[in-house]
Protein backbone atom coordinates (compact mmCIF):
# COMPACT_ATOMS: atom_id res chain seq x y z
CA MET A 1 72.65 -9.73 -39.64
CA GLN A 2 69.19 -8.43 -40.50
CA SER A 3 68.61 -7.33 -36.90
CA TYR A 4 71.95 -5.52 -36.90
CA LYS A 5 70.99 -3.57 -40.02
CA GLU A 6 67.61 -2.74 -38.50
CA LEU A 7 69.32 -1.41 -35.37
CA VAL A 8 71.70 0.71 -37.45
CA LYS A 9 68.69 2.10 -39.32
CA ALA A 10 66.91 2.84 -36.04
CA PHE A 11 69.92 4.84 -34.83
CA SER A 12 70.06 6.67 -38.15
CA VAL A 13 66.43 7.76 -37.87
CA ILE A 14 67.00 9.57 -34.56
CA ASP A 15 67.91 13.20 -35.19
CA ASN A 16 67.93 14.82 -31.76
CA GLU A 17 69.64 14.26 -28.43
CA ARG A 18 66.46 13.97 -26.35
CA ASP A 19 65.10 11.13 -28.46
CA MET A 20 68.50 9.41 -28.54
CA GLU A 21 68.70 9.56 -24.74
CA LYS A 22 65.24 8.04 -24.45
CA PHE A 23 65.99 5.35 -27.03
CA LEU A 24 69.22 4.30 -25.33
CA ALA A 25 67.48 4.19 -21.96
CA GLU A 26 64.71 2.05 -23.42
CA ILE A 27 66.87 -0.54 -25.18
CA LEU A 28 69.87 -0.80 -22.84
CA THR A 29 70.05 -1.90 -19.24
CA GLU A 30 71.77 0.43 -16.80
CA SER A 31 74.91 -1.74 -16.80
CA GLU A 32 74.97 -1.89 -20.62
CA LEU A 33 74.66 1.88 -20.78
CA GLU A 34 77.43 2.30 -18.20
CA ALA A 35 79.69 -0.01 -20.25
CA LEU A 36 78.99 2.03 -23.38
CA ILE A 37 79.70 5.30 -21.57
CA PHE A 38 82.94 3.85 -20.20
CA ARG A 39 84.00 2.70 -23.69
CA TRP A 40 83.34 6.23 -25.00
CA ARG A 41 85.40 7.72 -22.15
CA LEU A 42 88.32 5.46 -23.08
CA MET A 43 88.06 6.51 -26.72
CA LYS A 44 88.11 10.19 -25.72
CA ASP A 45 91.13 9.64 -23.48
CA LEU A 46 92.99 7.97 -26.34
CA TYR A 47 91.92 10.66 -28.80
CA HIS A 48 93.27 13.35 -26.46
CA GLY A 49 96.66 11.65 -26.44
CA GLU A 50 96.66 9.85 -23.11
CA THR A 51 98.85 6.78 -23.16
CA GLN A 52 97.35 3.34 -22.83
CA ARG A 53 99.35 2.76 -19.67
CA HIS A 54 98.10 5.99 -18.08
CA ILE A 55 94.48 5.17 -18.99
CA ALA A 56 94.87 1.67 -17.54
CA GLU A 57 96.20 3.07 -14.27
CA LYS A 58 93.60 5.83 -14.11
CA HIS A 59 90.66 3.46 -14.58
CA ARG A 60 92.30 0.42 -12.95
CA ILE A 61 91.82 -1.77 -16.01
CA SER A 62 94.11 -4.00 -18.07
CA LEU A 63 95.85 -2.75 -21.18
CA CYS A 64 93.93 -5.39 -23.15
CA LYS A 65 90.71 -3.43 -22.66
CA ILE A 66 92.30 -0.37 -24.27
CA THR A 67 94.04 -1.97 -27.26
CA ARG A 68 90.96 -2.11 -29.49
CA GLY A 69 90.21 1.56 -28.92
CA SER A 70 93.80 2.50 -29.61
CA LYS A 71 93.69 0.77 -32.99
CA ILE A 72 90.48 2.59 -33.85
CA ILE A 73 91.90 6.00 -32.91
CA LYS A 74 95.03 5.35 -35.01
CA ASN A 75 92.95 4.47 -38.09
CA PRO A 76 92.84 7.55 -40.37
CA GLU A 77 89.42 6.48 -41.69
CA SER A 78 87.87 6.00 -38.25
CA ILE A 79 84.31 7.25 -37.89
CA THR A 80 84.95 7.58 -34.16
CA VAL A 81 87.77 10.06 -34.80
CA LYS A 82 85.57 11.96 -37.24
CA ILE A 83 82.81 12.23 -34.61
CA LEU A 84 85.25 13.32 -31.89
CA LYS A 85 86.68 16.02 -34.17
CA GLU A 86 83.20 17.30 -35.03
CA MET A 87 82.18 17.37 -31.37
CA GLU A 88 85.21 19.50 -30.49
CA ASN A 89 84.38 22.15 -33.09
């Protein structure tokens, strides 16, 4: 758990996009980064009201991969929703 908290702190220290891009490129492999980008794309699709079934068909993935994101988007206290709202403004 200590390492997790250190990682959270490391992310919190970064205050600009250029440094965040470099940090992510340094600590993640290309496939890990692609998985993270894909997860974010699913979250955005859900946030914009696309149905789970449509997202599954569009990306050729199972509904199981989308369920977690759907629960997060439906949570009124979701930080992800807060971030998506801020990014749209």
